């Protein structure tokens, strides 16, 4: 297991790893749109109008993040992966536990909480070789902080901690 700080130091110092991560980050942002769409299709009838609107807003922001990642990739000469899959190790562990809108929001909360640690690490990086990424992640950060907050409220006390822990293990990630 490794910390976010260790992961980022290893990733940014290896061009092949960084380019792979950029491609997966782009796919991950688009996958978030799909996962949230699936949540609304499957359990949207359990959501209030405000909750439905909030999930839709998160979807739109995630799509914007994907667009920003695509721009970074374009500027760095990194092409998106052909035939990329949105299948994610983390979600393979967590998704089967989701049986309601609130549980879907609990899963969203855990995922956003996990991502915030990485986002903050990248946003605060002063290394000039990743200044473009730091800038993008400084713009992403307030959105993701709001996502964590709103999913936490909509989770209505539900917790999927056991499944979240399995997801972290599948990523070989240790939260600081």
N, C-alpha and C. Protein backbone atom coordinates (compact mmCIF):
# COMPACT_ATOMS: atom_id res chain seq x y z
N UNK A 1 0.86 -1.17 0.00
CA UNK A 1 0.00 0.00 0.00
C UNK A 1 0.90 1.24 0.00
N UNK A 2 0.44 2.28 -0.64
CA UNK A 2 1.22 3.51 -0.67
C UNK A 2 0.31 4.70 -0.44
N UNK A 3 0.90 5.78 0.02
CA UNK A 3 0.13 6.99 0.28
C UNK A 3 -0.06 7.76 -1.02
N UNK A 4 -0.94 8.74 -0.95
CA UNK A 4 -1.17 9.61 -2.11
C UNK A 4 0.11 10.34 -2.49
N UNK A 5 0.83 10.82 -1.50
CA UNK A 5 2.08 11.54 -1.76
C UNK A 5 3.08 10.64 -2.50
N UNK A 6 3.21 9.40 -2.06
CA UNK A 6 4.10 8.45 -2.73
C UNK A 6 3.62 8.17 -4.15
N UNK A 7 2.31 7.93 -4.29
CA UNK A 7 1.74 7.65 -5.61
C UNK A 7 2.03 8.81 -6.57
N UNK A 8 1.79 10.05 -6.14
CA UNK A 8 1.96 11.19 -7.03
C UNK A 8 3.43 11.40 -7.40
N UNK A 9 4.32 11.25 -6.44
CA UNK A 9 5.75 11.39 -6.73
C UNK A 9 6.19 10.38 -7.78
N UNK A 10 5.74 9.13 -7.64
CA UNK A 10 6.08 8.09 -8.61
C UNK A 10 5.45 8.37 -9.98
N UNK A 11 4.21 8.80 -9.98
CA UNK A 11 3.48 9.01 -11.23
C UNK A 11 4.06 10.18 -12.02
N UNK A 12 4.24 11.32 -11.38
CA UNK A 12 4.68 12.50 -12.12
C UNK A 12 6.12 12.41 -12.59
N UNK A 13 6.94 11.56 -11.96
CA UNK A 13 8.35 11.45 -12.34
C UNK A 13 8.59 10.46 -13.47
N UNK A 14 7.56 9.74 -13.86
CA UNK A 14 7.69 8.73 -14.92
C UNK A 14 6.73 9.10 -16.05
N UNK A 15 7.25 9.60 -17.19
CA UNK A 15 6.36 10.04 -18.27
C UNK A 15 5.35 8.99 -18.72
N UNK A 16 5.76 7.73 -18.76
CA UNK A 16 4.83 6.68 -19.17
C UNK A 16 3.69 6.53 -18.15
N UNK A 17 4.03 6.53 -16.88
CA UNK A 17 3.00 6.44 -15.83
C UNK A 17 2.09 7.66 -15.85
N UNK A 18 2.69 8.83 -16.04
CA UNK A 18 1.89 10.06 -16.05
C UNK A 18 0.92 10.06 -17.22
N UNK A 19 1.38 9.68 -18.40
CA UNK A 19 0.49 9.64 -19.56
C UNK A 19 -0.61 8.61 -19.38
N UNK A 20 -0.27 7.47 -18.80
CA UNK A 20 -1.30 6.45 -18.51
C UNK A 20 -2.33 7.02 -17.53
N UNK A 21 -1.84 7.68 -16.49
CA UNK A 21 -2.75 8.27 -15.51
C UNK A 21 -3.64 9.35 -16.15
N UNK A 22 -3.06 10.18 -17.01
CA UNK A 22 -3.86 11.21 -17.70
C UNK A 22 -5.00 10.56 -18.49
N UNK A 23 -4.69 9.51 -19.21
CA UNK A 23 -5.73 8.81 -19.98
C UNK A 23 -6.80 8.23 -19.06
N UNK A 24 -6.39 7.61 -17.95
CA UNK A 24 -7.36 7.02 -17.02
C UNK A 24 -8.15 8.10 -16.29
N UNK A 25 -7.52 9.23 -16.03
CA UNK A 25 -8.22 10.34 -15.37
C UNK A 25 -9.34 10.84 -16.29
N UNK A 26 -9.04 11.00 -17.55
CA UNK A 26 -10.05 11.42 -18.53
C UNK A 26 -11.20 10.42 -18.56
N UNK A 27 -10.87 9.14 -18.66
CA UNK A 27 -11.91 8.10 -18.68
C UNK A 27 -12.69 8.12 -17.37
N UNK A 28 -12.00 8.30 -16.26
CA UNK A 28 -12.66 8.33 -14.96
C UNK A 28 -13.67 9.45 -14.83
N UNK A 29 -13.34 10.61 -15.37
CA UNK A 29 -14.29 11.74 -15.33
C UNK A 29 -15.53 11.41 -16.16
N UNK A 30 -15.32 10.82 -17.33
CA UNK A 30 -16.47 10.45 -18.15
C UNK A 30 -17.26 9.31 -17.51
N UNK A 31 -16.55 8.37 -16.88
CA UNK A 31 -17.23 7.26 -16.20
C UNK A 31 -18.11 7.78 -15.07
N UNK A 32 -17.65 8.84 -14.39
CA UNK A 32 -18.47 9.42 -13.31
C UNK A 32 -19.80 9.92 -13.86
N UNK A 33 -19.77 10.52 -15.04
CA UNK A 33 -21.02 10.97 -15.67
C UNK A 33 -21.94 9.77 -15.88
N UNK A 34 -21.39 8.69 -16.40
CA UNK A 34 -22.19 7.48 -16.65
C UNK A 34 -22.73 6.87 -15.36
N UNK A 35 -21.89 6.79 -14.33
CA UNK A 35 -22.32 6.21 -13.06
C UNK A 35 -23.45 7.02 -12.44
N UNK A 36 -23.33 8.34 -12.51
CA UNK A 36 -24.37 9.19 -11.94
C UNK A 36 -25.65 9.14 -12.76
N UNK A 37 -25.51 9.04 -14.06
CA UNK A 37 -26.69 8.86 -14.91
C UNK A 37 -27.39 7.56 -14.54
N UNK A 38 -26.61 6.51 -14.34
CA UNK A 38 -27.17 5.21 -13.94
C UNK A 38 -27.88 5.31 -12.59
N UNK A 39 -27.29 6.08 -11.66
CA UNK A 39 -27.93 6.27 -10.35
C UNK A 39 -29.29 6.93 -10.51
N UNK A 40 -29.37 7.96 -11.35
CA UNK A 40 -30.65 8.64 -11.55
C UNK A 40 -31.66 7.75 -12.28
N UNK A 41 -31.19 6.98 -13.25
CA UNK A 41 -32.09 6.09 -13.97
C UNK A 41 -32.64 5.02 -13.03
N UNK A 42 -31.77 4.44 -12.22
CA UNK A 42 -32.15 3.32 -11.37
C UNK A 42 -32.91 3.74 -10.12
N UNK A 43 -32.44 4.80 -9.46
CA UNK A 43 -33.01 5.17 -8.15
C UNK A 43 -33.48 6.62 -8.09
N UNK A 44 -33.52 7.30 -9.22
CA UNK A 44 -33.92 8.70 -9.22
C UNK A 44 -35.31 8.96 -8.67
N UNK A 45 -36.18 7.96 -8.73
CA UNK A 45 -37.54 8.14 -8.19
C UNK A 45 -37.51 8.30 -6.67
N UNK A 46 -36.42 7.90 -6.02
CA UNK A 46 -36.29 8.04 -4.57
C UNK A 46 -35.73 9.42 -4.17
N UNK A 47 -35.29 10.19 -5.15
CA UNK A 47 -34.67 11.49 -4.89
C UNK A 47 -35.71 12.60 -4.87
N UNK A 48 -35.46 13.60 -4.05
CA UNK A 48 -36.28 14.81 -4.12
C UNK A 48 -35.88 15.56 -5.38
N UNK A 49 -36.65 16.56 -5.75
CA UNK A 49 -36.31 17.37 -6.92
C UNK A 49 -34.95 18.03 -6.73
N UNK A 50 -34.69 18.53 -5.54
CA UNK A 50 -33.40 19.18 -5.27
C UNK A 50 -32.25 18.18 -5.36
N UNK A 51 -32.44 16.98 -4.82
CA UNK A 51 -31.40 15.95 -4.89
C UNK A 51 -31.13 15.56 -6.35
N UNK A 52 -32.19 15.38 -7.13
CA UNK A 52 -32.04 15.03 -8.54
C UNK A 52 -31.24 16.12 -9.24
N UNK A 53 -31.59 17.38 -8.97
CA UNK A 53 -30.89 18.51 -9.56
C UNK A 53 -29.40 18.51 -9.16
N UNK A 54 -29.12 18.24 -7.88
CA UNK A 54 -27.73 18.23 -7.42
C UNK A 54 -26.91 17.14 -8.12
N UNK A 55 -27.48 15.95 -8.27
CA UNK A 55 -26.77 14.88 -8.97
C UNK A 55 -26.53 15.28 -10.43
N UNK A 56 -27.51 15.88 -11.06
CA UNK A 56 -27.35 16.35 -12.43
C UNK A 56 -26.23 17.40 -12.52
N UNK A 57 -26.19 18.31 -11.56
CA UNK A 57 -25.14 19.33 -11.54
C UNK A 57 -23.76 18.69 -11.40
N UNK A 58 -23.65 17.68 -10.53
CA UNK A 58 -22.38 16.96 -10.39
C UNK A 58 -22.00 16.32 -11.72
N UNK A 59 -22.97 15.71 -12.41
CA UNK A 59 -22.71 15.09 -13.72
C UNK A 59 -22.13 16.12 -14.69
N UNK A 60 -22.74 17.28 -14.74
CA UNK A 60 -22.27 18.33 -15.66
C UNK A 60 -20.86 18.79 -15.30
N UNK A 61 -20.58 18.91 -14.00
CA UNK A 61 -19.24 19.31 -13.59
C UNK A 61 -18.22 18.23 -13.92
N UNK A 62 -18.59 16.97 -13.75
CA UNK A 62 -17.66 15.89 -14.09
C UNK A 62 -17.37 15.90 -15.59
N UNK A 63 -18.37 16.18 -16.41
CA UNK A 63 -18.14 16.28 -17.85
C UNK A 63 -17.20 17.44 -18.17
N UNK A 64 -17.34 18.54 -17.45
CA UNK A 64 -16.44 19.68 -17.62
C UNK A 64 -15.01 19.28 -17.24
N UNK A 65 -14.87 18.53 -16.16
CA UNK A 65 -13.54 18.08 -15.75
C UNK A 65 -12.91 17.21 -16.84
N UNK A 66 -13.71 16.37 -17.47
CA UNK A 66 -13.20 15.54 -18.57
C UNK A 66 -12.72 16.43 -19.71
N UNK A 67 -13.47 17.48 -20.01
CA UNK A 67 -13.07 18.40 -21.08
C UNK A 67 -11.73 19.06 -20.72
N UNK A 68 -11.58 19.48 -19.47
CA UNK A 68 -10.32 20.09 -19.04
C UNK A 68 -9.17 19.10 -19.14
N UNK A 69 -9.41 17.84 -18.74
CA UNK A 69 -8.36 16.83 -18.84
C UNK A 69 -8.00 16.58 -20.30
N UNK A 70 -8.97 16.59 -21.17
CA UNK A 70 -8.72 16.41 -22.61
C UNK A 70 -7.84 17.53 -23.13
N UNK A 71 -8.08 18.75 -22.67
CA UNK A 71 -7.26 19.89 -23.10
C UNK A 71 -5.81 19.72 -22.63
N UNK A 72 -5.63 19.27 -21.38
CA UNK A 72 -4.27 19.03 -20.87
C UNK A 72 -3.59 17.95 -21.72
N UNK A 73 -4.32 16.89 -22.00
CA UNK A 73 -3.76 15.82 -22.81
C UNK A 73 -3.38 16.33 -24.19
N UNK A 74 -4.26 17.11 -24.80
CA UNK A 74 -3.97 17.66 -26.12
C UNK A 74 -2.70 18.51 -26.08
N UNK A 75 -2.59 19.37 -25.07
CA UNK A 75 -1.42 20.26 -24.95
C UNK A 75 -0.14 19.47 -24.73
N UNK A 76 -0.24 18.32 -24.11
CA UNK A 76 0.93 17.47 -23.85
C UNK A 76 1.16 16.44 -24.96
N UNK A 77 0.30 16.43 -25.97
CA UNK A 77 0.44 15.48 -27.06
C UNK A 77 0.07 14.05 -26.68
N UNK A 78 -0.81 13.92 -25.70
CA UNK A 78 -1.26 12.60 -25.24
C UNK A 78 -2.64 12.34 -25.81
N UNK A 79 -2.75 11.29 -26.58
CA UNK A 79 -4.04 10.96 -27.19
C UNK A 79 -4.84 10.06 -26.25
N UNK A 80 -6.17 10.25 -26.23
CA UNK A 80 -6.99 9.33 -25.43
C UNK A 80 -6.81 7.91 -25.92
N UNK A 81 -6.97 7.00 -25.02
CA UNK A 81 -6.82 5.58 -25.31
C UNK A 81 -7.96 5.12 -26.22
N UNK A 82 -7.62 4.44 -27.31
CA UNK A 82 -8.65 3.88 -28.19
C UNK A 82 -9.31 2.70 -27.50
N UNK A 83 -10.62 2.64 -27.56
CA UNK A 83 -11.34 1.51 -26.99
C UNK A 83 -11.24 1.42 -25.47
N UNK A 84 -11.00 2.55 -24.82
CA UNK A 84 -10.86 2.55 -23.36
C UNK A 84 -12.15 2.07 -22.71
N UNK A 85 -11.99 1.46 -21.57
CA UNK A 85 -13.14 0.96 -20.81
C UNK A 85 -13.34 1.80 -19.57
N UNK A 86 -14.59 2.02 -19.24
CA UNK A 86 -14.91 2.76 -18.02
C UNK A 86 -14.98 1.83 -16.82
N UNK A 87 -14.72 0.55 -17.02
CA UNK A 87 -14.72 -0.39 -15.89
C UNK A 87 -13.60 0.01 -14.93
N UNK A 88 -13.96 0.14 -13.69
CA UNK A 88 -13.01 0.61 -12.69
C UNK A 88 -12.89 -0.40 -11.56
N UNK A 89 -11.67 -0.64 -11.12
CA UNK A 89 -11.44 -1.59 -10.02
C UNK A 89 -12.22 -1.17 -8.78
N UNK A 90 -12.15 0.11 -8.43
CA UNK A 90 -12.84 0.59 -7.23
C UNK A 90 -14.33 0.32 -7.31
N UNK A 91 -14.95 0.70 -8.42
CA UNK A 91 -16.40 0.58 -8.54
C UNK A 91 -16.85 -0.87 -8.65
N UNK A 92 -15.99 -1.76 -9.12
CA UNK A 92 -16.34 -3.18 -9.13
C UNK A 92 -16.58 -3.70 -7.72
N UNK A 93 -15.92 -3.11 -6.74
CA UNK A 93 -16.09 -3.50 -5.34
C UNK A 93 -17.29 -2.82 -4.69
N UNK A 94 -17.57 -1.59 -5.10
CA UNK A 94 -18.57 -0.77 -4.41
C UNK A 94 -19.97 -0.88 -5.03
N UNK A 95 -20.05 -0.87 -6.34
CA UNK A 95 -21.36 -0.82 -7.01
C UNK A 95 -22.34 -1.91 -6.60
N UNK A 96 -21.90 -3.15 -6.42
CA UNK A 96 -22.87 -4.19 -6.05
C UNK A 96 -23.58 -3.94 -4.72
N UNK A 97 -23.00 -3.11 -3.85
CA UNK A 97 -23.61 -2.83 -2.55
C UNK A 97 -24.70 -1.76 -2.63
N UNK A 98 -24.77 -1.06 -3.75
CA UNK A 98 -25.73 0.04 -3.89
C UNK A 98 -27.11 -0.51 -4.23
N UNK A 99 -28.05 -0.28 -3.32
CA UNK A 99 -29.42 -0.78 -3.49
C UNK A 99 -30.47 0.32 -3.33
N UNK A 100 -30.02 1.58 -3.25
CA UNK A 100 -30.95 2.70 -3.10
C UNK A 100 -30.26 3.99 -3.51
N UNK A 101 -31.04 5.05 -3.65
CA UNK A 101 -30.49 6.35 -3.97
C UNK A 101 -29.51 6.80 -2.88
N UNK A 102 -29.92 6.67 -1.62
CA UNK A 102 -29.06 7.10 -0.51
C UNK A 102 -27.76 6.30 -0.48
N UNK A 103 -27.82 5.01 -0.76
CA UNK A 103 -26.60 4.21 -0.80
C UNK A 103 -25.71 4.61 -1.98
N UNK A 104 -26.32 4.96 -3.10
CA UNK A 104 -25.55 5.47 -4.23
C UNK A 104 -24.85 6.76 -3.87
N UNK A 105 -25.54 7.60 -3.11
CA UNK A 105 -24.92 8.86 -2.65
C UNK A 105 -23.83 8.59 -1.63
N UNK A 106 -24.01 7.57 -0.79
CA UNK A 106 -22.95 7.19 0.15
C UNK A 106 -21.71 6.73 -0.61
N UNK A 107 -21.92 5.96 -1.67
CA UNK A 107 -20.80 5.53 -2.51
C UNK A 107 -20.13 6.74 -3.15
N UNK A 108 -20.94 7.68 -3.62
CA UNK A 108 -20.40 8.91 -4.19
C UNK A 108 -19.59 9.70 -3.18
N UNK A 109 -20.10 9.76 -1.96
CA UNK A 109 -19.38 10.47 -0.89
C UNK A 109 -18.01 9.84 -0.66
N UNK A 110 -17.97 8.53 -0.49
CA UNK A 110 -16.69 7.84 -0.25
C UNK A 110 -15.72 8.08 -1.41
N UNK A 111 -16.22 7.98 -2.63
CA UNK A 111 -15.36 8.17 -3.81
C UNK A 111 -14.82 9.60 -3.87
N UNK A 112 -15.68 10.58 -3.62
CA UNK A 112 -15.24 11.97 -3.66
C UNK A 112 -14.24 12.24 -2.54
N UNK A 113 -14.51 11.69 -1.37
CA UNK A 113 -13.59 11.87 -0.24
C UNK A 113 -12.21 11.31 -0.59
N UNK A 114 -12.19 10.14 -1.19
CA UNK A 114 -10.94 9.50 -1.59
C UNK A 114 -10.22 10.36 -2.63
N UNK A 115 -10.95 10.84 -3.60
CA UNK A 115 -10.35 11.63 -4.69
C UNK A 115 -9.82 12.97 -4.20
N UNK A 116 -10.48 13.54 -3.21
CA UNK A 116 -10.05 14.86 -2.73
C UNK A 116 -8.61 14.85 -2.24
N UNK A 117 -8.18 13.77 -1.64
CA UNK A 117 -6.80 13.70 -1.17
C UNK A 117 -5.84 13.82 -2.36
N UNK A 118 -6.12 13.11 -3.43
CA UNK A 118 -5.27 13.19 -4.62
C UNK A 118 -5.38 14.56 -5.29
N UNK A 119 -6.59 15.07 -5.38
CA UNK A 119 -6.79 16.37 -6.03
C UNK A 119 -6.00 17.45 -5.29
N UNK A 120 -6.08 17.45 -3.98
CA UNK A 120 -5.34 18.46 -3.19
C UNK A 120 -3.83 18.31 -3.38
N UNK A 121 -3.36 17.08 -3.42
CA UNK A 121 -1.92 16.84 -3.62
C UNK A 121 -1.47 17.44 -4.95
N UNK A 122 -2.22 17.21 -6.00
CA UNK A 122 -1.86 17.71 -7.33
C UNK A 122 -2.05 19.22 -7.40
N UNK A 123 -3.16 19.73 -6.87
CA UNK A 123 -3.44 21.17 -6.91
C UNK A 123 -2.37 21.97 -6.18
N UNK A 124 -1.78 21.40 -5.14
CA UNK A 124 -0.77 22.11 -4.34
C UNK A 124 0.66 21.87 -4.82
N UNK A 125 0.82 21.12 -5.89
CA UNK A 125 2.16 20.81 -6.39
C UNK A 125 2.76 22.04 -7.06
N UNK A 126 3.95 22.42 -6.66
CA UNK A 126 4.62 23.60 -7.22
C UNK A 126 5.68 23.23 -8.26
N UNK A 127 5.78 21.96 -8.59
CA UNK A 127 6.73 21.49 -9.60
C UNK A 127 6.32 22.07 -10.96
N UNK A 128 7.20 22.85 -11.61
CA UNK A 128 6.83 23.47 -12.89
C UNK A 128 6.49 22.47 -13.99
N UNK A 129 6.98 21.23 -13.88
CA UNK A 129 6.69 20.24 -14.93
C UNK A 129 5.23 19.79 -14.90
N UNK A 130 4.53 20.06 -13.81
CA UNK A 130 3.11 19.68 -13.73
C UNK A 130 2.24 20.90 -13.40
N UNK A 131 2.74 22.10 -13.75
CA UNK A 131 1.99 23.32 -13.46
C UNK A 131 0.63 23.32 -14.16
N UNK A 132 0.56 22.76 -15.37
CA UNK A 132 -0.72 22.70 -16.07
C UNK A 132 -1.72 21.85 -15.30
N UNK A 133 -1.26 20.74 -14.76
CA UNK A 133 -2.14 19.87 -13.97
C UNK A 133 -2.53 20.53 -12.66
N UNK A 134 -1.58 21.19 -12.00
CA UNK A 134 -1.89 21.88 -10.75
C UNK A 134 -2.98 22.92 -11.00
N UNK A 135 -2.87 23.64 -12.11
CA UNK A 135 -3.86 24.67 -12.44
C UNK A 135 -5.25 24.06 -12.65
N UNK A 136 -5.32 22.99 -13.43
CA UNK A 136 -6.60 22.33 -13.68
C UNK A 136 -7.19 21.81 -12.37
N UNK A 137 -6.35 21.21 -11.54
CA UNK A 137 -6.87 20.64 -10.30
C UNK A 137 -7.23 21.71 -9.28
N UNK A 138 -6.63 22.89 -9.37
CA UNK A 138 -7.08 24.01 -8.54
C UNK A 138 -8.49 24.42 -8.93
N UNK A 139 -8.81 24.30 -10.22
CA UNK A 139 -10.18 24.60 -10.68
C UNK A 139 -11.16 23.48 -10.35
N UNK A 140 -10.69 22.25 -10.37
CA UNK A 140 -11.54 21.10 -10.06
C UNK A 140 -11.85 21.03 -8.56
N UNK A 141 -10.90 21.42 -7.74
CA UNK A 141 -11.00 21.25 -6.29
C UNK A 141 -12.30 21.77 -5.67
N UNK A 142 -12.72 23.01 -5.94
CA UNK A 142 -13.97 23.47 -5.30
C UNK A 142 -15.19 22.67 -5.74
N UNK A 143 -15.21 22.20 -6.97
CA UNK A 143 -16.32 21.35 -7.42
C UNK A 143 -16.35 20.06 -6.61
N UNK A 144 -15.18 19.43 -6.50
CA UNK A 144 -15.11 18.14 -5.81
C UNK A 144 -15.41 18.27 -4.32
N UNK A 145 -15.01 19.39 -3.73
CA UNK A 145 -15.36 19.62 -2.32
C UNK A 145 -16.88 19.72 -2.16
N UNK A 146 -17.52 20.39 -3.11
CA UNK A 146 -18.99 20.48 -3.08
C UNK A 146 -19.61 19.11 -3.33
N UNK A 147 -19.05 18.33 -4.23
CA UNK A 147 -19.57 16.98 -4.50
C UNK A 147 -19.54 16.15 -3.22
N UNK A 148 -18.42 16.18 -2.51
CA UNK A 148 -18.32 15.43 -1.25
C UNK A 148 -19.39 15.89 -0.27
N UNK A 149 -19.55 17.18 -0.14
CA UNK A 149 -20.54 17.74 0.79
C UNK A 149 -21.96 17.32 0.42
N UNK A 150 -22.33 17.48 -0.84
CA UNK A 150 -23.70 17.21 -1.25
C UNK A 150 -24.00 15.71 -1.20
N UNK A 151 -23.05 14.87 -1.59
CA UNK A 151 -23.27 13.43 -1.49
C UNK A 151 -23.36 13.00 -0.02
N UNK A 152 -22.58 13.63 0.84
CA UNK A 152 -22.66 13.32 2.27
C UNK A 152 -24.05 13.61 2.82
N UNK A 153 -24.63 14.74 2.41
CA UNK A 153 -25.99 15.08 2.85
C UNK A 153 -27.02 14.11 2.29
N UNK A 154 -26.90 13.79 1.01
CA UNK A 154 -27.89 12.92 0.37
C UNK A 154 -27.75 11.46 0.81
N UNK A 155 -26.61 11.08 1.37
CA UNK A 155 -26.42 9.71 1.84
C UNK A 155 -27.30 9.41 3.05
N UNK A 156 -27.79 10.46 3.69
CA UNK A 156 -28.74 10.31 4.80
C UNK A 156 -28.27 9.30 5.85
N UNK A 157 -27.00 9.40 6.21
CA UNK A 157 -26.46 8.53 7.25
C UNK A 157 -26.04 7.15 6.79
N UNK A 158 -26.27 6.82 5.52
CA UNK A 158 -25.86 5.50 5.02
C UNK A 158 -24.34 5.49 4.89
N UNK A 159 -23.76 4.34 5.06
CA UNK A 159 -22.32 4.19 4.91
C UNK A 159 -22.02 2.89 4.19
N UNK A 160 -21.11 2.96 3.27
CA UNK A 160 -20.64 1.76 2.56
C UNK A 160 -19.16 1.57 2.83
N UNK A 161 -18.75 1.87 4.07
CA UNK A 161 -17.34 1.85 4.43
C UNK A 161 -16.66 0.53 4.10
N UNK A 162 -17.33 -0.58 4.40
CA UNK A 162 -16.74 -1.90 4.12
C UNK A 162 -16.40 -2.05 2.64
N UNK A 163 -17.32 -1.62 1.77
CA UNK A 163 -17.11 -1.75 0.33
C UNK A 163 -16.09 -0.72 -0.16
N UNK A 164 -16.11 0.46 0.44
CA UNK A 164 -15.12 1.49 0.12
C UNK A 164 -13.72 0.96 0.44
N UNK A 165 -13.56 0.32 1.60
CA UNK A 165 -12.26 -0.24 1.98
C UNK A 165 -11.80 -1.29 0.98
N UNK A 166 -12.73 -2.11 0.51
CA UNK A 166 -12.39 -3.11 -0.52
C UNK A 166 -11.93 -2.40 -1.80
N UNK A 167 -12.63 -1.33 -2.15
CA UNK A 167 -12.25 -0.56 -3.33
C UNK A 167 -10.86 0.03 -3.20
N UNK A 168 -10.54 0.57 -2.01
CA UNK A 168 -9.20 1.10 -1.78
C UNK A 168 -8.15 0.01 -1.92
N UNK A 169 -8.44 -1.17 -1.39
CA UNK A 169 -7.50 -2.28 -1.50
C UNK A 169 -7.28 -2.67 -2.96
N UNK A 170 -8.34 -2.62 -3.76
CA UNK A 170 -8.20 -2.96 -5.18
C UNK A 170 -7.30 -1.97 -5.90
N UNK A 171 -7.21 -0.75 -5.36
CA UNK A 171 -6.35 0.28 -5.94
C UNK A 171 -4.95 0.29 -5.31
N UNK A 172 -4.76 -0.56 -4.28
CA UNK A 172 -3.51 -0.57 -3.53
C UNK A 172 -3.22 0.82 -2.96
N UNK A 173 -4.27 1.46 -2.42
CA UNK A 173 -4.17 2.83 -1.95
C UNK A 173 -4.39 2.89 -0.45
N UNK A 174 -3.54 3.62 0.22
CA UNK A 174 -3.63 3.84 1.66
C UNK A 174 -3.99 5.30 1.87
N UNK A 175 -5.09 5.55 2.56
CA UNK A 175 -5.49 6.93 2.83
C UNK A 175 -4.68 7.43 4.02
N UNK A 176 -4.14 8.64 3.90
CA UNK A 176 -3.31 9.22 4.97
C UNK A 176 -4.16 9.59 6.16
